[in-house]
Amino acid sequence: MKSKYIFLLVAIIFLTNCGGSASDSDSSTTINYWQQIDWETTDNGAYANFTYNGFSPSCSNHPSASNSKFSFFVRYGNVNKLVIYFQGGGACWHYNNCVEKTTYSEELMYYDNADILNLISNGQGKSMGYSGIFDFTNNENPFKDWNFVYIPYCTGDLHWGKQDTEYTKDTSSATIRHRGHVNFQLVLEWLKNHFKNPDPEIIFVTGISAGSYGAIFNFPYIAEKFTESQLYLLGDAGNGVITDDFKQIIDDVWGASLPDTGNFHEFDSYNIEALTMADLYSKIANFYNEYRFAQYTAAWDENQVFFYNVMVNIDNPGIDYANWYNPDDSIWCYWHDEMLSLLQTTDTDITTNPNNYAYFIAPGEVHTILMNNEVYTLNVNGVRFVDWLRSIVEGGATFANVKCTDCQQPDNVVCQ
């Protein structure tokens, strides 16, 4: 899953640099939108000594990683509006998938690169399927003229972690830096110094896959820092179907604690081990009831099914990890049913302003949408996704629940 994404984006660079057909724009019109921010040197070294919970920003420091340096990216637009985007890239919580057979991006990946982001933003990734909200040449893009801050992901903790954890198996061990929330706090400090006075008129917080969890989890920290902004949130493909065993360990291995900042204390005395995604969304949406919140997923998201299956089989990966990569019908069907239940529970539990939440369920198995061409081509029950996306920040009748009426299950999957 991760390797397919990397291959396609590397192909974009290769074809473009070789004068191939991947480009949809004339090279003379190419714009360098994106800047990489080196947190240790930017602003004359103002953040060089930054720490949070006693840790400095870092990627995982996996033994095979070539580099554990963390950086992030900014694109300056021409309106006083801001997108804060959390990138995805899997997760890990056990020696088997943190160290031995990684199921997360353990260092900044090929797509965490200003050159690749510029290619997509110039419309040169469309022939490979990549555009979405990052294509600034598309006039239908609701965020075409906005400022963007792109937060990479390389810590295996859904942007929630703030500790280092030693994982052991037999006589082997390795320490993984689960510092996703530390990295976010650094970016938030930089944002405070670059996008305040005045605050942005609107902030759209979003992320894909693991980044969608980072978006909702870290939303209160953003809201409490930018109190004069109007905020909106979309979680793309992060529906939180998890096992009870997984819930019991994430605070231990990631050092994660529930959001608590400024005036937001809705999780006081709430145990993270009992947390569901419905709880996370409903408590935050009920508190910030003047803002709008939304979730997107495919009805049979193959990547979310994969991670649920890894949770079930974390101690029993099988030969060549076959038990992880071959979910049976019961896994597919349970994930689908539980996803629907969680979205419905979220919708029901948001009571202070029932009109400030909506979900969009598309047919199929494709994981995430915001970086893809489907932002502009997907139409479910007569509702174009791009119009629904725009309605999150603009309001209107289109901001409502959308669910495919023909969410046909994948081939060879039979649900009872």
Protein backbone atom coordinates (compact mmCIF):
# COMPACT_ATOMS: atom_id res chain seq x y z
CA MET A 1 0.00 0.00 0.00
CA LYS A 2 2.71 2.44 0.97
CA SER A 3 5.04 1.11 -1.77
CA LYS A 4 2.44 1.66 -4.51
CA TYR A 5 2.09 5.32 -3.54
CA ILE A 6 5.86 5.81 -3.50
CA PHE A 7 6.33 4.12 -6.87
CA LEU A 8 3.75 6.28 -8.60
CA LEU A 9 5.15 9.52 -7.23
CA VAL A 10 8.72 8.57 -8.09
CA ALA A 11 7.45 7.78 -11.59
CA ILE A 12 6.01 11.30 -11.82
CA ILE A 13 9.46 12.78 -11.14
CA PHE A 14 11.19 10.41 -13.57
CA LEU A 15 8.80 11.04 -16.42
CA THR A 16 8.76 14.80 -15.88
CA ASN A 17 12.54 15.11 -15.65
CA CYS A 18 12.93 12.96 -18.76
CA GLY A 19 10.46 15.03 -20.76
CA GLY A 20 7.84 12.27 -20.67
CA SER A 21 4.10 12.56 -20.82
CA ALA A 22 3.38 12.79 -17.10
CA SER A 23 3.19 16.58 -17.26
CA ASP A 24 -0.20 18.19 -17.92
CA SER A 25 1.32 21.69 -17.92
CA ASP A 26 3.94 23.46 -19.99
CA SER A 27 7.21 23.57 -18.06
CA SER A 28 7.46 27.32 -18.63
CA THR A 29 4.41 27.82 -16.40
CA THR A 30 5.70 25.70 -13.54
CA ILE A 31 5.46 27.47 -10.18
CA ASN A 32 7.50 26.59 -7.11
CA TYR A 33 4.72 26.76 -4.57
CA TRP A 34 6.24 24.76 -1.73
CA GLN A 35 9.03 25.53 0.74
CA GLN A 36 10.58 22.99 3.07
CA ILE A 37 10.96 24.26 6.63
CA ASP A 38 14.05 23.07 8.49
CA TRP A 39 12.93 23.59 12.05
CA GLU A 40 16.46 23.78 13.48
CA THR A 41 17.55 26.66 11.24
CA THR A 42 14.39 28.53 10.23
CA ASP A 43 13.71 31.95 11.75
CA ASN A 44 17.38 32.31 12.64
CA GLY A 45 17.37 29.21 14.80
CA ALA A 46 14.40 30.28 16.96
CA TYR A 47 13.25 26.64 17.37
CA ALA A 48 16.66 24.93 17.53
CA ASN A 49 16.15 24.05 21.20
CA PHE A 50 12.45 23.23 20.93
CA THR A 51 11.20 20.36 23.12
CA TYR A 52 7.79 19.07 24.13
CA ASN A 53 7.33 16.60 26.97
CA GLY A 54 11.12 16.56 27.12
CA PHE A 55 11.60 15.46 23.50
CA SER A 56 12.83 17.25 20.40
CA PRO A 57 11.12 16.74 17.01
CA SER A 58 12.16 13.57 15.18
CA CYS A 59 11.11 10.73 12.94
CA SER A 60 11.09 7.15 14.26
CA ASN A 61 14.84 6.41 14.39
CA HIS A 62 14.08 2.89 13.15
CA PRO A 63 17.36 0.91 12.85
CA SER A 64 17.07 0.75 9.07
CA ALA A 65 16.04 4.38 8.56
CA SER A 66 18.60 6.42 6.66
CA ASN A 67 17.55 9.64 8.37
CA SER A 68 15.38 10.55 11.36
CA LYS A 69 15.24 14.26 10.66
CA PHE A 70 11.77 15.86 10.71
CA SER A 71 10.80 18.74 8.42
CA PHE A 72 7.54 20.25 7.24
CA PHE A 73 6.32 22.32 4.29
CA VAL A 74 4.50 25.58 3.63
CA ARG A 75 2.78 27.05 0.59
CA TYR A 76 1.85 30.73 0.83
CA GLY A 77 -1.41 31.64 -0.90
CA ASN A 78 -3.01 34.99 -1.60
CA VAL A 79 -5.96 34.95 0.82
CA ASN A 80 -5.98 34.99 4.62
CA LYS A 81 -7.14 31.37 4.85
CA LEU A 82 -5.14 28.33 5.91
CA VAL A 83 -5.18 24.56 5.34
CA ILE A 84 -3.38 22.50 8.00
CA TYR A 85 -2.80 19.07 6.48
CA PHE A 86 -1.62 15.94 8.34
CA GLN A 87 -0.06 13.32 6.06
CA GLY A 88 -0.74 9.61 6.55
CA GLY A 89 1.53 6.59 6.50
CA GLY A 90 0.33 3.67 8.63
CA ALA A 91 0.89 2.96 12.32
CA CYS A 92 2.70 0.54 14.65
CA TRP A 93 2.41 -0.62 18.26
CA HIS A 94 4.34 -3.93 18.57
CA TYR A 95 7.84 -5.26 17.81
CA ASN A 96 6.36 -7.18 14.89
CA ASN A 97 5.13 -4.08 13.05
CA CYS A 98 7.30 -1.33 14.56
CA VAL A 99 10.64 -3.04 14.04
CA GLU A 100 10.47 -6.33 12.18
CA LYS A 101 7.88 -5.79 9.41
CA THR A 102 7.06 -2.11 9.50
CA THR A 103 3.52 -0.98 8.74
CA TYR A 104 4.30 2.73 8.89
CA SER A 105 6.54 5.35 7.28
CA GLU A 106 9.59 5.26 9.51
CA GLU A 107 11.27 8.31 7.93
CA LEU A 108 10.28 11.20 5.67
CA MET A 109 9.13 9.53 2.48
CA TYR A 110 9.67 10.36 -1.19
CA TYR A 111 6.40 12.27 -1.34
CA ASP A 112 7.46 14.46 1.61
CA ASN A 113 9.40 16.57 -0.84
CA ALA A 114 8.87 20.07 -2.20
CA ASP A 115 9.63 18.93 -5.76
CA ILE A 116 6.89 16.28 -5.72
CA LEU A 117 4.41 18.61 -4.04
CA ASN A 118 5.17 21.22 -6.69
CA LEU A 119 4.57 18.69 -9.47
CA ILE A 120 1.15 17.82 -8.07
CA SER A 121 0.31 21.45 -7.38
CA ASN A 122 1.19 22.37 -10.98
CA GLY A 123 -1.25 19.76 -12.28
CA GLN A 124 1.52 17.44 -13.45
CA GLY A 125 0.37 14.47 -11.38
CA LYS A 126 -3.11 14.13 -12.84
CA SER A 127 -2.13 11.52 -15.41
CA MET A 128 -0.91 9.36 -12.50
CA GLY A 129 -4.06 9.98 -10.45
CA TYR A 130 -2.69 12.64 -8.10
CA SER A 131 -4.24 16.09 -7.78
CA GLY A 132 -7.06 16.71 -5.30
CA ILE A 133 -6.79 19.71 -3.01
CA PHE A 134 -3.08 19.99 -3.85
CA ASP A 135 -3.73 20.85 -7.53
CA PHE A 136 -3.64 24.64 -7.59
CA THR A 137 -4.27 24.76 -11.35
CA ASN A 138 -7.84 23.48 -10.97
CA ASN A 139 -10.37 26.29 -10.62
CA GLU A 140 -12.78 23.90 -8.88
CA ASN A 141 -10.32 23.44 -6.01
CA PRO A 142 -11.97 25.18 -3.01
CA PHE A 143 -8.50 25.80 -1.53
CA LYS A 144 -6.73 26.92 -4.71
CA ASP A 145 -5.65 30.29 -3.29
CA TRP A 146 -5.23 29.31 0.36
CA ASN A 147 -2.10 29.03 2.48
CA PHE A 148 -1.12 25.42 3.18
CA VAL A 149 0.99 23.82 5.89
CA TYR A 150 1.84 20.17 5.23
CA ILE A 151 2.84 18.06 8.26
CA PRO A 152 4.64 14.83 7.27
CA TYR A 153 4.25 11.65 9.28
CA CYS A 154 7.08 9.31 10.24
CA THR A 155 6.45 8.21 13.83
CA GLY A 156 3.88 5.37 13.67
CA ASP A 157 1.58 6.96 16.28
CA LEU A 158 -1.20 8.76 14.34
CA HIS A 159 0.43 12.11 15.25
CA TRP A 160 -0.53 11.34 18.87
CA GLY A 161 2.76 10.16 20.42
CA LYS A 162 5.09 11.95 22.78
CA GLN A 163 7.51 9.34 24.06
CA ASP A 164 10.20 6.86 22.97
CA THR A 165 9.43 3.16 23.41
CA GLU A 166 11.75 0.16 23.45
CA TYR A 167 10.28 -2.87 21.69
CA THR A 168 11.77 -6.30 22.37
CA LYS A 169 11.41 -9.79 20.91
CA ASP A 170 13.52 -12.70 22.09
CA THR A 171 17.03 -11.20 22.26
CA SER A 172 16.37 -8.32 19.86
CA SER A 173 15.28 -4.81 20.74
CA ALA A 174 14.94 -1.37 19.19
CA THR A 175 13.73 1.99 20.44
CA ILE A 176 11.18 3.81 18.30
CA ARG A 177 10.63 7.53 18.69
CA HIS A 178 6.87 8.00 18.83
CA ARG A 179 7.05 11.78 18.64
CA GLY A 180 4.18 12.64 16.31
CA HIS A 181 2.53 15.00 18.79
CA VAL A 182 5.92 16.56 19.57
CA ASN A 183 6.38 17.26 15.85
CA PHE A 184 2.89 18.76 15.68
CA GLN A 185 3.56 21.03 18.67
CA LEU A 186 6.65 22.34 16.92
CA VAL A 187 4.61 23.11 13.79
CA LEU A 188 1.94 24.77 15.94
CA GLU A 189 4.58 27.02 17.51
CA TRP A 190 5.81 27.97 14.03
CA LEU A 191 2.22 28.60 12.88
CA LYS A 192 1.65 30.89 15.83
CA ASN A 193 4.62 32.98 14.73
CA HIS A 194 3.73 33.08 11.03
CA PHE A 195 -0.08 33.11 10.77
CA LYS A 196 -1.28 35.22 13.69
CA ASN A 197 -1.93 38.96 14.06
CA PRO A 198 -4.26 38.67 12.35
CA ASP A 199 -5.44 35.10 12.71
CA PRO A 200 -6.51 33.43 9.45
CA GLU A 201 -10.12 34.14 8.58
CA ILE A 202 -10.69 30.40 8.12
CA ILE A 203 -8.60 27.33 9.04
CA PHE A 204 -9.40 23.99 7.41
CA VAL A 205 -7.85 21.12 9.39
CA THR A 206 -7.57 17.85 7.54
CA GLY A 207 -5.50 14.74 6.91
CA ILE A 208 -5.57 11.38 5.18
CA SER A 209 -5.40 7.91 6.74
CA ALA A 210 -3.22 8.20 9.88
CA GLY A 211 -3.27 11.94 9.31
CA SER A 212 -7.05 12.03 9.70
CA TYR A 213 -6.60 10.83 13.29
CA GLY A 214 -3.94 13.49 13.78
CA ALA A 215 -6.34 16.13 12.48
CA ILE A 216 -9.18 15.44 14.91
CA PHE A 217 -6.91 14.64 17.88
CA ASN A 218 -4.93 17.87 17.51
CA PHE A 219 -7.90 20.05 16.52
CA PRO A 220 -8.43 21.53 20.03
CA TYR A 221 -4.80 22.65 20.19
CA ILE A 222 -5.26 24.53 16.91
CA ALA A 223 -8.63 25.96 17.94
CA GLU A 224 -7.30 27.21 21.27
CA LYS A 225 -4.31 28.84 19.59
CA PHE A 226 -6.30 30.56 16.81
CA THR A 227 -9.32 31.82 18.70
CA GLU A 228 -10.23 34.49 16.12
CA SER A 229 -10.41 32.02 13.21
CA GLN A 230 -13.39 30.04 11.98
CA LEU A 231 -12.34 26.37 11.93
CA TYR A 232 -13.51 23.36 9.94
CA LEU A 233 -12.33 19.76 9.85
CA LEU A 234 -12.42 16.79 7.49
CA GLY A 235 -11.05 13.37 8.42
CA ASP A 236 -10.23 11.38 5.27
CA ALA A 237 -10.25 7.59 5.75
CA GLY A 238 -9.69 7.29 9.48
CA ASN A 239 -12.75 5.60 10.96
CA GLY A 240 -11.20 4.00 14.02
CA VAL A 241 -12.38 0.40 13.83
CA ILE A 242 -10.00 -1.11 16.37
CA THR A 243 -9.68 -4.07 18.70
CA ASP A 244 -9.99 -3.88 22.48
CA ASP A 245 -6.36 -5.03 22.81
CA PHE A 246 -5.20 -2.11 20.67
CA LYS A 247 -7.09 0.35 22.88
CA GLN A 248 -5.36 -1.02 25.96
CA ILE A 249 -1.83 -0.30 24.76
CA ILE A 250 -1.75 2.94 22.74
CA ASP A 251 -1.21 5.18 25.76
CA ASP A 252 1.55 2.88 27.02
CA VAL A 253 3.48 2.56 23.76
CA TRP A 254 2.86 6.03 22.33
CA GLY A 255 2.55 8.07 25.52
CA ALA A 256 -0.65 9.49 24.09
CA SER A 257 -3.02 11.44 26.31
CA LEU A 258 -6.35 12.92 25.34
CA PRO A 259 -6.52 16.57 24.21
CA ASP A 260 -6.48 19.04 27.10
CA THR A 261 -5.58 22.64 26.35
CA GLY A 262 -6.77 26.21 26.86
CA ASN A 263 -10.51 26.14 27.57
CA PHE A 264 -10.91 22.60 26.26
CA HIS A 265 -11.10 20.01 29.04
CA GLU A 266 -13.88 17.74 27.75
CA PHE A 267 -11.87 14.57 28.37
CA ASP A 268 -11.16 15.23 32.04
CA SER A 269 -11.30 11.91 33.90
CA TYR A 270 -11.92 10.11 30.59
CA ASN A 271 -9.84 6.99 30.05
CA ILE A 272 -8.11 6.84 26.68
CA GLU A 273 -8.39 3.05 26.85
CA ALA A 274 -12.17 3.40 26.47
CA LEU A 275 -11.95 5.89 23.61
CA THR A 276 -13.81 5.42 20.33
CA MET A 277 -13.64 7.65 17.28
CA ALA A 278 -17.29 8.49 17.90
CA ASP A 279 -16.28 9.83 21.34
CA LEU A 280 -13.41 11.85 19.92
CA TYR A 281 -15.51 13.51 17.23
CA SER A 282 -18.66 14.04 19.30
CA LYS A 283 -16.94 15.58 22.33
CA ILE A 284 -14.89 17.94 20.20
CA ALA A 285 -17.79 18.84 17.88
CA ASN A 286 -20.15 19.42 20.81
CA PHE A 287 -17.66 21.78 22.47
CA TYR A 288 -16.76 23.67 19.28
CA ASN A 289 -20.34 23.72 18.07
CA GLU A 290 -19.91 26.82 15.91
CA TYR A 291 -17.47 24.93 13.66
CA ARG A 292 -18.22 22.15 11.15
CA PHE A 293 -16.79 18.62 11.20
CA ALA A 294 -16.90 15.90 8.54
CA GLN A 295 -15.62 12.42 7.73
CA TYR A 296 -15.04 10.64 4.44
CA THR A 297 -14.47 6.94 3.73
CA ALA A 298 -14.90 4.33 1.06
CA ALA A 299 -17.42 1.70 2.10
CA TRP A 300 -14.86 -1.11 1.82
CA ASP A 301 -11.58 0.74 2.40
CA GLU A 302 -8.89 -1.90 1.79
CA ASN A 303 -6.22 -0.14 3.85
CA GLN A 304 -8.43 0.33 6.91
CA VAL A 305 -9.44 -3.33 6.63
CA PHE A 306 -5.76 -4.27 6.43
CA PHE A 307 -4.91 -2.44 9.66
CA TYR A 308 -7.84 -3.92 11.52
CA ASN A 309 -6.65 -7.35 10.39
CA VAL A 310 -3.11 -6.58 11.62
CA MET A 311 -4.58 -5.70 15.03
CA VAL A 312 -6.39 -9.03 15.15
CA ASN A 313 -3.26 -10.94 14.10
CA ILE A 314 -0.49 -8.82 15.58
CA ASP A 315 0.92 -11.75 17.58
CA ASN A 316 0.33 -14.25 14.79
CA PRO A 317 1.57 -12.76 11.50
CA GLY A 318 2.00 -16.16 9.85
CA ILE A 319 4.58 -17.21 7.30
CA ASP A 320 5.74 -14.17 5.28
CA TYR A 321 3.09 -12.19 7.19
CA ALA A 322 0.35 -13.86 5.19
CA ASN A 323 -2.10 -13.55 8.11
CA TRP A 324 -1.77 -9.76 7.93
CA TYR A 325 -2.14 -9.38 4.18
CA ASN A 326 -5.01 -11.77 3.56
CA PRO A 327 -8.04 -10.73 5.63
CA ASP A 328 -10.88 -13.22 5.51
CA ASP A 329 -14.53 -12.38 4.89
CA SER A 330 -15.28 -11.91 8.57
CA ILE A 331 -12.66 -9.14 8.84
CA TRP A 332 -13.98 -7.30 5.78
CA CYS A 333 -17.57 -7.56 6.93
CA TYR A 334 -16.91 -6.63 10.56
CA TRP A 335 -14.94 -3.54 9.53
CA HIS A 336 -17.70 -2.40 7.17
CA ASP A 337 -20.48 -2.87 9.72
CA GLU A 338 -18.51 -1.27 12.54
CA MET A 339 -17.52 1.69 10.37
CA LEU A 340 -21.19 2.38 9.63
CA SER A 341 -22.07 2.02 13.30
CA LEU A 342 -19.34 4.45 14.41
CA LEU A 343 -20.39 7.09 11.90
CA GLN A 344 -24.02 6.77 12.92
CA THR A 345 -23.10 6.97 16.62
CA THR A 346 -21.04 10.08 15.97
CA ASP A 347 -23.94 11.67 14.12
CA THR A 348 -26.36 10.82 16.95
CA ASP A 349 -24.05 11.94 19.77
CA ILE A 350 -23.46 15.42 18.36
CA THR A 351 -26.31 17.22 20.06
CA THR A 352 -25.34 20.85 20.79
CA ASN A 353 -25.50 21.63 17.06
CA PRO A 354 -26.64 18.59 15.06
CA ASN A 355 -26.05 20.49 11.82
CA ASN A 356 -22.29 20.83 12.31
CA TYR A 357 -21.37 17.26 11.33
CA ALA A 358 -21.76 15.17 8.18
CA TYR A 359 -20.19 12.08 6.62
CA PHE A 360 -19.64 10.94 3.04
CA ILE A 361 -19.46 7.20 2.26
CA ALA A 362 -18.32 6.32 -1.26
CA PRO A 363 -18.54 2.91 -2.94
CA GLY A 364 -15.41 0.84 -3.47
CA GLU A 365 -12.18 -0.03 -1.72
CA VAL A 366 -9.89 2.92 -2.53
CA HIS A 367 -8.12 4.39 0.50
CA THR A 368 -8.25 8.22 0.87
CA ILE A 369 -9.35 10.87 -1.61
CA LEU A 370 -7.90 14.31 -0.86
CA MET A 371 -4.72 13.94 -2.92
CA ASN A 372 -6.48 12.11 -5.78
CA ASN A 373 -8.32 13.00 -8.98
CA GLU A 374 -11.51 11.54 -7.46
CA VAL A 375 -11.98 14.80 -5.55
CA TYR A 376 -13.34 16.17 -8.85
CA THR A 377 -14.83 13.04 -10.43
CA LEU A 378 -16.59 11.23 -7.57
CA ASN A 379 -20.38 11.55 -7.60
CA VAL A 380 -22.54 9.64 -5.10
CA ASN A 381 -26.33 9.84 -5.32
CA GLY A 382 -26.08 12.99 -7.40
CA VAL A 383 -23.73 14.75 -4.96
CA ARG A 384 -20.30 15.62 -6.32
CA PHE A 385 -17.60 15.16 -3.70
CA VAL A 386 -15.96 18.47 -4.58
CA ASP A 387 -19.26 20.29 -3.94
CA TRP A 388 -19.69 18.48 -0.63
CA LEU A 389 -16.10 19.34 0.29
CA ARG A 390 -16.70 22.99 -0.51
CA SER A 391 -19.85 22.96 1.63
CA ILE A 392 -17.82 22.08 4.73
CA VAL A 393 -16.35 25.59 4.75
CA GLU A 394 -19.17 27.42 2.95
CA GLY A 395 -22.25 25.66 4.34
CA GLY A 396 -25.47 25.14 2.42
CA ALA A 397 -27.78 22.24 1.70
CA THR A 398 -24.97 20.10 0.26
CA PHE A 399 -23.45 19.74 3.74
CA ALA A 400 -25.36 16.62 4.71
CA ASN A 401 -24.77 12.90 5.08
CA VAL A 402 -24.07 11.11 1.80
CA LYS A 403 -24.02 7.31 1.60
CA CYS A 404 -23.73 5.15 -1.48
CA THR A 405 -26.90 3.18 -2.14
CA ASP A 406 -24.95 0.52 -4.01
CA CYS A 407 -21.95 -0.05 -1.75
CA GLN A 408 -21.30 -3.42 -3.35
CA GLN A 409 -18.88 -5.55 -1.37
CA PRO A 410 -15.54 -6.49 -2.98
CA ASP A 411 -15.26 -9.47 -5.31
CA ASN A 412 -14.89 -12.77 -3.46
CA VAL A 413 -16.11 -11.24 -0.17
CA VAL A 414 -19.37 -12.66 1.16
CA CYS A 415 -21.09 -11.15 4.19
CA GLN A 416 -23.82 -13.01 6.00
